[in-house]
Amino acid sequence: MSDEINRITRLEEMLAYQAKTIEELSDQLAEQWKIVEQMRSKLDRLTERFLSLEEQSLEAPGITRPPHY
């Protein structure tokens, strides 16, 4: 009977350790997801800014030589 109790105790300890590990991994994943979302948002803003600047450069008058050339 003592062996069964020891075995059950070891299994319970292992289960508790695994549950703690899963919770820590879940927390880390949630934190990394926040970072990914922040980076995605920043990339979207930079892309919009780049496209806007590119559009403005296309609308700008062409570079011409000054009359004294």
PDB file of N, CA and C in Angstrom:
ATOM      1  N   MET A   1       0.827  -1.197   0.000  1.00  0.00           N
ATOM      2  CA  MET A   1       0.000   0.000   0.000  1.00  0.00           C
ATOM      3  C   MET A   1       0.870   1.259   0.000  1.00  0.00           C
ATOM      4  N   SER A   2       1.979   1.208   0.708  1.00  0.00           N
ATOM      5  CA  SER A   2       2.879   2.355   0.795  1.00  0.00           C
ATOM      6  C   SER A   2       3.436   2.727  -0.580  1.00  0.00           C
ATOM      7  N   ASP A   3       3.730   1.715  -1.412  1.00  0.00           N
ATOM      8  CA  ASP A   3       4.236   1.984  -2.757  1.00  0.00           C
ATOM      9  C   ASP A   3       3.195   2.716  -3.604  1.00  0.00           C
ATOM     10  N   GLU A   4       1.942   2.310  -3.453  1.00  0.00           N
ATOM     11  CA  GLU A   4       0.871   2.978  -4.199  1.00  0.00           C
ATOM     12  C   GLU A   4       0.720   4.428  -3.765  1.00  0.00           C
ATOM     13  N   ILE A   5       0.810   4.676  -2.481  1.00  0.00           N
ATOM     14  CA  ILE A   5       0.691   6.048  -1.967  1.00  0.00           C
ATOM     15  C   ILE A   5       1.850   6.895  -2.474  1.00  0.00           C
ATOM     16  N   ASN A   6       3.070   6.339  -2.450  1.00  0.00           N
ATOM     17  CA  ASN A   6       4.233   7.062  -2.972  1.00  0.00           C
ATOM     18  C   ASN A   6       4.081   7.347  -4.459  1.00  0.00           C
ATOM     19  N   ARG A   7       3.586   6.364  -5.178  1.00  0.00           N
ATOM     20  CA  ARG A   7       3.379   6.533  -6.621  1.00  0.00           C
ATOM     21  C   ARG A   7       2.350   7.619  -6.890  1.00  0.00           C
ATOM     22  N   ILE A   8       1.261   7.610  -6.162  1.00  0.00           N
ATOM     23  CA  ILE A   8       0.208   8.626  -6.323  1.00  0.00           C
ATOM     24  C   ILE A   8       0.755  10.005  -5.958  1.00  0.00           C
ATOM     25  N   THR A   9       1.541  10.058  -4.894  1.00  0.00           N
ATOM     26  CA  THR A   9       2.132  11.338  -4.473  1.00  0.00           C
ATOM     27  C   THR A   9       3.057  11.877  -5.563  1.00  0.00           C
ATOM     28  N   ARG A  10       3.891  11.006  -6.134  1.00  0.00           N
ATOM     29  CA  ARG A  10       4.797  11.438  -7.216  1.00  0.00           C
ATOM     30  C   ARG A  10       4.002  11.921  -8.427  1.00  0.00           C
ATOM     31  N   LEU A  11       2.942  11.211  -8.761  1.00  0.00           N
ATOM     32  CA  LEU A  11       2.102  11.620  -9.890  1.00  0.00           C
ATOM     33  C   LEU A  11       1.434  12.973  -9.627  1.00  0.00           C
ATOM     34  N   GLU A  12       0.965  13.184  -8.405  1.00  0.00           N
ATOM     35  CA  GLU A  12       0.351  14.464  -8.058  1.00  0.00           C
ATOM     36  C   GLU A  12       1.372  15.594  -8.133  1.00  0.00           C
ATOM     37  N   GLU A  13       2.590  15.331  -7.662  1.00  0.00           N
ATOM     38  CA  GLU A  13       3.650  16.344  -7.740  1.00  0.00           C
ATOM     39  C   GLU A  13       3.982  16.668  -9.193  1.00  0.00           C
ATOM     40  N   MET A  14       4.080  15.621 -10.008  1.00  0.00           N
ATOM     41  CA  MET A  14       4.381  15.815 -11.422  1.00  0.00           C
ATOM     42  C   MET A  14       3.265  16.619 -12.103  1.00  0.00           C
ATOM     43  N   LEU A  15       2.043  16.295 -11.783  1.00  0.00           N
ATOM     44  CA  LEU A  15       0.895  17.001 -12.351  1.00  0.00           C
ATOM     45  C   LEU A  15       0.907  18.473 -11.944  1.00  0.00           C
ATOM     46  N   ALA A  16       1.209  18.743 -10.677  1.00  0.00           N
ATOM     47  CA  ALA A  16       1.263  20.130 -10.198  1.00  0.00           C
ATOM     48  C   ALA A  16       2.374  20.891 -10.910  1.00  0.00           C
ATOM     49  N   TYR A  17       3.532  20.247 -11.088  1.00  0.00           N
ATOM     50  CA  TYR A  17       4.655  20.884 -11.782  1.00  0.00           C
ATOM     51  C   TYR A  17       4.288  21.171 -13.239  1.00  0.00           C
ATOM     52  N   GLN A  18       3.656  20.223 -13.897  1.00  0.00           N
ATOM     53  CA  GLN A  18       3.265  20.416 -15.293  1.00  0.00           C
ATOM     54  C   GLN A  18       2.205  21.511 -15.423  1.00  0.00           C
ATOM     55  N   ALA A  19       1.272  21.557 -14.492  1.00  0.00           N
ATOM     56  CA  ALA A  19       0.252  22.606 -14.529  1.00  0.00           C
ATOM     57  C   ALA A  19       0.899  23.978 -14.368  1.00  0.00           C
ATOM     58  N   LYS A  20       1.875  24.085 -13.463  1.00  0.00           N
ATOM     59  CA  LYS A  20       2.592  25.353 -13.272  1.00  0.00           C
ATOM     60  C   LYS A  20       3.362  25.733 -14.530  1.00  0.00           C
ATOM     61  N   THR A  21       4.011  24.759 -15.142  1.00  0.00           N
ATOM     62  CA  THR A  21       4.770  25.006 -16.375  1.00  0.00           C
ATOM     63  C   THR A  21       3.847  25.473 -17.495  1.00  0.00           C
ATOM     64  N   ILE A  22       2.708  24.837 -17.636  1.00  0.00           N
ATOM     65  CA  ILE A  22       1.748  25.231 -18.671  1.00  0.00           C
ATOM     66  C   ILE A  22       1.261  26.656 -18.432  1.00  0.00           C
ATOM     67  N   GLU A  23       1.000  27.005 -17.194  1.00  0.00           N
ATOM     68  CA  GLU A  23       0.550  28.360 -16.876  1.00  0.00           C
ATOM     69  C   GLU A  23       1.637  29.393 -17.205  1.00  0.00           C
ATOM     70  N   GLU A  24       2.891  29.078 -16.880  1.00  0.00           N
ATOM     71  CA  GLU A  24       3.994  29.992 -17.193  1.00  0.00           C
ATOM     72  C   GLU A  24       4.160  30.156 -18.692  1.00  0.00           C
ATOM     73  N   LEU A  25       4.066  29.053 -19.427  1.00  0.00           N
ATOM     74  CA  LEU A  25       4.174  29.117 -20.884  1.00  0.00           C
ATOM     75  C   LEU A  25       3.022  29.925 -21.485  1.00  0.00           C
ATOM     76  N   SER A  26       1.845  29.753 -20.942  1.00  0.00           N
ATOM     77  CA  SER A  26       0.698  30.503 -21.413  1.00  0.00           C
ATOM     78  C   SER A  26       0.898  32.006 -21.186  1.00  0.00           C
ATOM     79  N   ASP A  27       1.414  32.358 -20.014  1.00  0.00           N
ATOM     80  CA  ASP A  27       1.689  33.770 -19.722  1.00  0.00           C
ATOM     81  C   ASP A  27       2.724  34.341 -20.678  1.00  0.00           C
ATOM     82  N   GLN A  28       3.778  33.567 -20.939  1.00  0.00           N
ATOM     83  CA  GLN A  28       4.815  34.025 -21.870  1.00  0.00           C
ATOM     84  C   GLN A  28       4.257  34.188 -23.276  1.00  0.00           C
ATOM     85  N   LEU A  29       3.431  33.265 -23.692  1.00  0.00           N
ATOM     86  CA  LEU A  29       2.819  33.345 -25.015  1.00  0.00           C
ATOM     87  C   LEU A  29       1.933  34.582 -25.130  1.00  0.00           C
ATOM     88  N   ALA A  30       1.162  34.865 -24.096  1.00  0.00           N
ATOM     89  CA  ALA A  30       0.296  36.048 -24.105  1.00  0.00           C
ATOM     90  C   ALA A  30       1.139  37.316 -24.187  1.00  0.00           C
ATOM     91  N   GLU A  31       2.252  37.369 -23.468  1.00  0.00           N
ATOM     92  CA  GLU A  31       3.132  38.539 -23.511  1.00  0.00           C
ATOM     93  C   GLU A  31       3.755  38.695 -24.895  1.00  0.00           C
ATOM     94  N   GLN A  32       4.205  37.612 -25.474  1.00  0.00           N
ATOM     95  CA  GLN A  32       4.780  37.677 -26.815  1.00  0.00           C
ATOM     96  C   GLN A  32       3.727  38.087 -27.844  1.00  0.00           C
ATOM     97  N   TRP A  33       2.503  37.653 -27.665  1.00  0.00           N
ATOM     98  CA  TRP A  33       1.437  38.032 -28.596  1.00  0.00           C
ATOM     99  C   TRP A  33       1.199  39.536 -28.540  1.00  0.00           C
ATOM    100  N   LYS A  34       1.263  40.121 -27.326  1.00  0.00           N
ATOM    101  CA  LYS A  34       1.122  41.573 -27.199  1.00  0.00           C
ATOM    102  C   LYS A  34       2.213  42.284 -27.988  1.00  0.00           C
ATOM    103  N   ILE A  35       3.444  41.771 -27.885  1.00  0.00           N
ATOM    104  CA  ILE A  35       4.570  42.375 -28.597  1.00  0.00           C
ATOM    105  C   ILE A  35       4.364  42.255 -30.106  1.00  0.00           C
ATOM    106  N   VAL A  36       3.908  41.099 -30.561  1.00  0.00           N
ATOM    107  CA  VAL A  36       3.649  40.898 -31.993  1.00  0.00           C
ATOM    108  C   VAL A  36       2.583  41.881 -32.476  1.00  0.00           C
ATOM    109  N   GLU A  37       1.532  42.060 -31.697  1.00  0.00           N
ATOM    110  CA  GLU A  37       0.466  42.988 -32.082  1.00  0.00           C
ATOM    111  C   GLU A  37       0.978  44.429 -32.123  1.00  0.00           C
ATOM    112  N   GLN A  38       1.821  44.807 -31.169  1.00  0.00           N
ATOM    113  CA  GLN A  38       2.407  46.146 -31.182  1.00  0.00           C
ATOM    114  C   GLN A  38       3.270  46.342 -32.422  1.00  0.00           C
ATOM    115  N   MET A  39       4.065  45.333 -32.747  1.00  0.00           N
ATOM    116  CA  MET A  39       4.928  45.428 -33.924  1.00  0.00           C
ATOM    117  C   MET A  39       4.100  45.484 -35.204  1.00  0.00           C
ATOM    118  N   ARG A  40       3.030  44.713 -35.249  1.00  0.00           N
ATOM    119  CA  ARG A  40       2.157  44.728 -36.432  1.00  0.00           C
ATOM    120  C   ARG A  40       1.532  46.110 -36.608  1.00  0.00           C
ATOM    121  N   SER A  41       1.086  46.695 -35.507  1.00  0.00           N
ATOM    122  CA  SER A  41       0.495  48.026 -35.558  1.00  0.00           C
ATOM    123  C   SER A  41       1.521  49.058 -36.026  1.00  0.00           C
ATOM    124  N   LYS A  42       2.725  48.964 -35.488  1.00  0.00           N
ATOM    125  CA  LYS A  42       3.785  49.897 -35.892  1.00  0.00           C
ATOM    126  C   LYS A  42       4.135  49.717 -37.368  1.00  0.00           C
ATOM    127  N   LEU A  43       4.206  48.473 -37.830  1.00  0.00           N
ATOM    128  CA  LEU A  43       4.484  48.200 -39.231  1.00  0.00           C
ATOM    129  C   LEU A  43       3.386  48.778 -40.123  1.00  0.00           C
ATOM    130  N   ASP A  44       2.127  48.639 -39.712  1.00  0.00           N
ATOM    131  CA  ASP A  44       1.016  49.200 -40.481  1.00  0.00           C
ATOM    132  C   ASP A  44       1.150  50.719 -40.595  1.00  0.00           C
ATOM    133  N   ARG A  45       1.487  51.378 -39.471  1.00  0.00           N
ATOM    134  CA  ARG A  45       1.651  52.839 -39.502  1.00  0.00           C
ATOM    135  C   ARG A  45       2.813  53.248 -40.402  1.00  0.00           C
ATOM    136  N   LEU A  46       3.925  52.526 -40.300  1.00  0.00           N
ATOM    137  CA  LEU A  46       5.083  52.842 -41.138  1.00  0.00           C
ATOM    138  C   LEU A  46       4.779  52.610 -42.615  1.00  0.00           C
ATOM    139  N   THR A  47       4.030  51.555 -42.905  1.00  0.00           N
ATOM    140  CA  THR A  47       3.657  51.277 -44.295  1.00  0.00           C
ATOM    141  C   THR A  47       2.782  52.398 -44.842  1.00  0.00           C
ATOM    142  N   GLU A  48       1.815  52.837 -44.060  1.00  0.00           N
ATOM    143  CA  GLU A  48       0.955  53.942 -44.493  1.00  0.00           C
ATOM    144  C   GLU A  48       1.777  55.206 -44.721  1.00  0.00           C
ATOM    145  N   ARG A  49       2.687  55.485 -43.814  1.00  0.00           N
ATOM    146  CA  ARG A  49       3.533  56.677 -43.948  1.00  0.00           C
ATOM    147  C   ARG A  49       4.405  56.579 -45.193  1.00  0.00           C
ATOM    148  N   PHE A  50       4.994  55.419 -45.428  1.00  0.00           N
ATOM    149  CA  PHE A  50       5.831  55.227 -46.605  1.00  0.00           C
ATOM    150  C   PHE A  50       5.024  55.425 -47.888  1.00  0.00           C
ATOM    151  N   LEU A  51       3.842  54.823 -47.944  1.00  0.00           N
ATOM    152  CA  LEU A  51       3.015  54.963 -49.145  1.00  0.00           C
ATOM    153  C   LEU A  51       2.596  56.410 -49.360  1.00  0.00           C
ATOM    154  N   SER A  52       2.313  57.107 -48.276  1.00  0.00           N
ATOM    155  CA  SER A  52       1.950  58.514 -48.373  1.00  0.00           C
ATOM    156  C   SER A  52       3.128  59.336 -48.909  1.00  0.00           C
ATOM    157  N   LEU A  53       4.311  59.091 -48.386  1.00  0.00           N
ATOM    158  CA  LEU A  53       5.494  59.811 -48.862  1.00  0.00           C
ATOM    159  C   LEU A  53       5.804  59.470 -50.312  1.00  0.00           C
ATOM    160  N   GLU A  54       5.625  58.217 -50.663  1.00  0.00           N
ATOM    161  CA  GLU A  54       5.860  57.805 -52.038  1.00  0.00           C
ATOM    162  C   GLU A  54       4.875  58.503 -52.981  1.00  0.00           C
ATOM    163  N   GLU A  55       3.618  58.590 -52.565  1.00  0.00           N
ATOM    164  CA  GLU A  55       2.596  59.253 -53.371  1.00  0.00           C
ATOM    165  C   GLU A  55       2.928  60.734 -53.526  1.00  0.00           C
ATOM    166  N   GLN A  56       3.373  61.368 -52.447  1.00  0.00           N
ATOM    167  CA  GLN A  56       3.741  62.785 -52.508  1.00  0.00           C
ATOM    168  C   GLN A  56       4.920  63.005 -53.449  1.00  0.00           C
ATOM    169  N   SER A  57       5.871  62.083 -53.434  1.00  0.00           N
ATOM    170  CA  SER A  57       7.045  62.253 -54.303  1.00  0.00           C
ATOM    171  C   SER A  57       6.658  62.096 -55.773  1.00  0.00           C
ATOM    172  N   LEU A  58       5.656  61.285 -56.048  1.00  0.00           N
ATOM    173  CA  LEU A  58       5.208  61.128 -57.431  1.00  0.00           C
ATOM    174  C   LEU A  58       4.458  62.362 -57.910  1.00  0.00           C
ATOM    175  N   GLU A  59       3.800  63.064 -56.993  1.00  0.00           N
ATOM    176  CA  GLU A  59       3.037  64.250 -57.343  1.00  0.00           C
ATOM    177  C   GLU A  59       3.922  65.496 -57.427  1.00  0.00           C
ATOM    178  N   ALA A  60       5.106  65.426 -56.858  1.00  0.00           N
ATOM    179  CA  ALA A  60       5.999  66.588 -56.841  1.00  0.00           C
ATOM    180  C   ALA A  60       6.482  66.876 -58.264  1.00  0.00           C
ATOM    181  N   PRO A  61       6.707  68.152 -58.541  1.00  0.00           N
ATOM    182  CA  PRO A  61       7.215  68.486 -59.879  1.00  0.00           C
ATOM    183  C   PRO A  61       8.594  67.854 -60.079  1.00  0.00           C
ATOM    184  N   GLY A  62       8.880  67.536 -61.312  1.00  0.00           N
ATOM    185  CA  GLY A  62      10.157  66.912 -61.624  1.00  0.00           C
ATOM    186  C   GLY A  62      11.316  67.856 -61.336  1.00  0.00           C
ATOM    187  N   ILE A  63      12.445  67.268 -61.101  1.00  0.00           N
ATOM    188  CA  ILE A  63      13.642  68.086 -60.858  1.00  0.00           C
ATOM    189  C   ILE A  63      14.155  68.577 -62.190  1.00  0.00           C
ATOM    190  N   THR A  64      14.268  69.883 -62.306  1.00  0.00           N
ATOM    191  CA  THR A  64      14.762  70.475 -63.548  1.00  0.00           C
ATOM    192  C   THR A  64      16.022  71.242 -63.257  1.00  0.00           C
ATOM    193  N   ARG A  65      16.833  71.449 -64.274  1.00  0.00           N
ATOM    194  CA  ARG A  65      18.057  72.212 -64.102  1.00  0.00           C
ATOM    195  C   ARG A  65      17.727  73.692 -64.012  1.00  0.00           C
ATOM    196  N   PRO A  66      18.465  74.394 -63.224  1.00  0.00           N
ATOM    197  CA  PRO A  66      18.271  75.845 -63.173  1.00  0.00           C
ATOM    198  C   PRO A  66      18.573  76.462 -64.545  1.00  0.00           C
ATOM    199  N   PRO A  67      18.027  77.605 -64.816  1.00  0.00           N
ATOM    200  CA  PRO A  67      18.193  78.213 -66.153  1.00  0.00           C
ATOM    201  C   PRO A  67      19.643  78.487 -66.530  1.00  0.00           C
ATOM    202  N   HIS A  68      20.549  78.655 -65.592  1.00  0.00           N
ATOM    203  CA  HIS A  68      21.923  79.010 -65.943  1.00  0.00           C
ATOM    204  C   HIS A  68      22.745  77.820 -66.411  1.00  0.00           C
ATOM    205  N   TYR A  69      22.207  76.625 -66.485  1.00  0.00           N
ATOM    206  CA  TYR A  69      22.951  75.472 -66.997  1.00  0.00           C
ATOM    207  C   TYR A  69      22.796  75.339 -68.475  1.00  0.00           C
TER     208      TYR A  69
END
